[in-house]
């Protein structure tokens, strides 16, 4: 199980891809929150753009094992944005599943190539 937290190039690539796409989707939820769900602009921008920036920052830190914990927290926060834009409950769960899948697939593939 300790190997699961080992940082490898494949894991970094897969997780960076998930966080990069998630940053785009979360940022694009900002205008939806403002125009369709009538969330105040300061709240929508703080949550949407703030979370997108955090995704990019964590992507840059994926060389360290603690960044994967931060990425997991980001998945929870992305799901929580569903309180502002209800479709984000669904999209947040999709990204959380992609995040978990990226970690386990990279672990399994890189574990098989080590043998």
Protein backbone atom coordinates (compact mmCIF):
# COMPACT_ATOMS: atom_id res chain seq x y z
CA UNK A 1 0.00 0.00 0.00
CA UNK A 2 2.95 2.36 0.58
CA UNK A 3 3.79 1.98 -3.10
CA UNK A 4 0.42 3.59 -3.85
CA UNK A 5 1.81 6.88 -2.54
CA UNK A 6 5.02 6.60 -4.53
CA UNK A 7 5.35 9.40 -7.07
CA UNK A 8 6.08 8.11 -10.55
CA UNK A 9 6.17 9.84 -13.95
CA UNK A 10 3.10 7.97 -15.18
CA UNK A 11 1.09 8.88 -12.10
CA UNK A 12 2.12 12.51 -12.43
CA UNK A 13 1.06 12.59 -16.08
CA UNK A 14 -2.32 10.98 -15.51
CA UNK A 15 -3.16 13.05 -12.45
CA UNK A 16 -1.96 16.25 -14.12
CA UNK A 17 -4.29 15.52 -17.03
CA UNK A 18 -7.24 15.09 -14.68
CA UNK A 19 -6.47 18.28 -12.77
CA UNK A 20 -5.86 20.26 -15.97
CA UNK A 21 -9.21 19.31 -17.45
CA UNK A 22 -10.89 19.86 -14.10
CA UNK A 23 -9.44 23.38 -13.90
CA UNK A 24 -11.05 24.21 -17.24
CA UNK A 25 -14.44 22.78 -16.28
CA UNK A 26 -14.50 24.46 -12.87
CA UNK A 27 -13.47 27.81 -14.37
CA UNK A 28 -16.23 27.50 -16.98
CA UNK A 29 -18.76 26.86 -14.24
CA UNK A 30 -18.22 30.44 -13.03
CA UNK A 31 -20.28 32.20 -15.74
CA UNK A 32 -22.92 29.48 -15.42
CA UNK A 33 -23.21 30.17 -11.70
CA UNK A 34 -23.58 33.90 -12.35
CA UNK A 35 -25.98 33.92 -15.31
CA UNK A 36 -28.12 30.82 -14.84
CA UNK A 37 -28.05 30.19 -11.10
CA UNK A 38 -27.90 33.88 -10.12
CA UNK A 39 -24.99 33.46 -7.72
CA UNK A 40 -23.35 36.76 -6.86
CA UNK A 41 -20.35 37.49 -9.06
CA UNK A 42 -17.81 37.79 -6.21
CA UNK A 43 -18.81 34.41 -4.76
CA UNK A 44 -18.88 32.68 -8.15
CA UNK A 45 -15.50 34.09 -9.18
CA UNK A 46 -13.89 33.31 -5.83
CA UNK A 47 -15.12 29.72 -5.85
CA UNK A 48 -14.84 28.93 -9.58
CA UNK A 49 -11.63 30.70 -10.51
CA UNK A 50 -10.10 30.06 -7.09
CA UNK A 51 -10.65 26.31 -7.41
CA UNK A 52 -9.34 26.35 -10.99
CA UNK A 53 -6.16 28.11 -9.83
CA UNK A 54 -5.76 25.59 -7.01
CA UNK A 55 -6.03 22.77 -9.56
CA UNK A 56 -3.22 24.33 -11.58
CA UNK A 57 -1.09 24.92 -8.47
CA UNK A 58 -1.53 21.32 -7.29
CA UNK A 59 -0.71 20.11 -10.80
CA UNK A 60 2.66 21.84 -10.45
CA UNK A 61 3.28 20.15 -7.11
CA UNK A 62 2.61 16.57 -8.23
CA UNK A 63 6.30 15.72 -7.82
CA UNK A 64 5.62 15.53 -4.09
CA UNK A 65 3.44 12.88 -2.48
CA UNK A 66 1.44 15.37 -0.38
CA UNK A 67 0.08 16.90 -3.60
CA UNK A 68 -1.99 13.75 -4.17
CA UNK A 69 -3.71 14.36 -0.85
CA UNK A 70 -4.29 17.97 -1.87
CA UNK A 71 -5.68 16.72 -5.19
CA UNK A 72 -8.09 14.47 -3.32
CA UNK A 73 -9.26 17.45 -1.26
CA UNK A 74 -9.77 19.35 -4.53
CA UNK A 75 -12.05 16.55 -5.72
CA UNK A 76 -14.21 17.02 -2.64
CA UNK A 77 -14.28 20.78 -3.21
CA UNK A 78 -15.23 20.27 -6.86
CA UNK A 79 -18.18 18.14 -5.79
CA UNK A 80 -19.14 20.83 -3.26
CA UNK A 81 -19.37 23.42 -6.04
CA UNK A 82 -22.59 21.63 -6.91
CA UNK A 83 -24.21 23.85 -4.28
CA UNK A 84 -23.61 26.76 -6.66
CA UNK A 85 -24.05 24.92 -9.97
CA UNK A 86 -26.03 21.69 -9.45
CA UNK A 87 -24.52 19.92 -12.50
CA UNK A 88 -21.16 20.15 -10.72
CA UNK A 89 -22.34 17.48 -8.29
CA UNK A 90 -22.31 15.10 -11.26
CA UNK A 91 -19.16 16.50 -12.89
CA UNK A 92 -17.34 16.60 -9.56
CA UNK A 93 -18.06 12.92 -8.99
CA UNK A 94 -16.87 12.14 -12.53
CA UNK A 95 -13.59 13.97 -11.89
CA UNK A 96 -13.18 12.28 -8.50
CA UNK A 97 -13.58 8.89 -10.18
CA UNK A 98 -11.06 9.90 -12.85
CA UNK A 99 -8.66 11.01 -10.11
CA UNK A 100 -8.95 7.71 -8.25
CA UNK A 101 -8.67 5.77 -11.49
CA UNK A 102 -5.55 7.72 -12.52
CA UNK A 103 -3.84 6.89 -9.24
CA UNK A 104 -4.70 3.19 -9.28
CA UNK A 105 -4.10 2.63 -12.99
CA UNK A 106 -0.70 4.31 -12.82
CA UNK A 107 0.16 2.25 -9.74
CA UNK A 108 -0.88 -0.98 -11.43
CA UNK A 109 0.79 -0.28 -14.79
CA UNK A 110 4.04 0.97 -13.31
CA UNK A 111 4.05 -1.89 -10.80
CA UNK A 112 3.76 -4.36 -13.67
CA UNK A 113 6.59 -2.73 -15.60
CA UNK A 114 8.92 -2.93 -12.58
CA UNK A 115 8.71 -6.73 -12.52
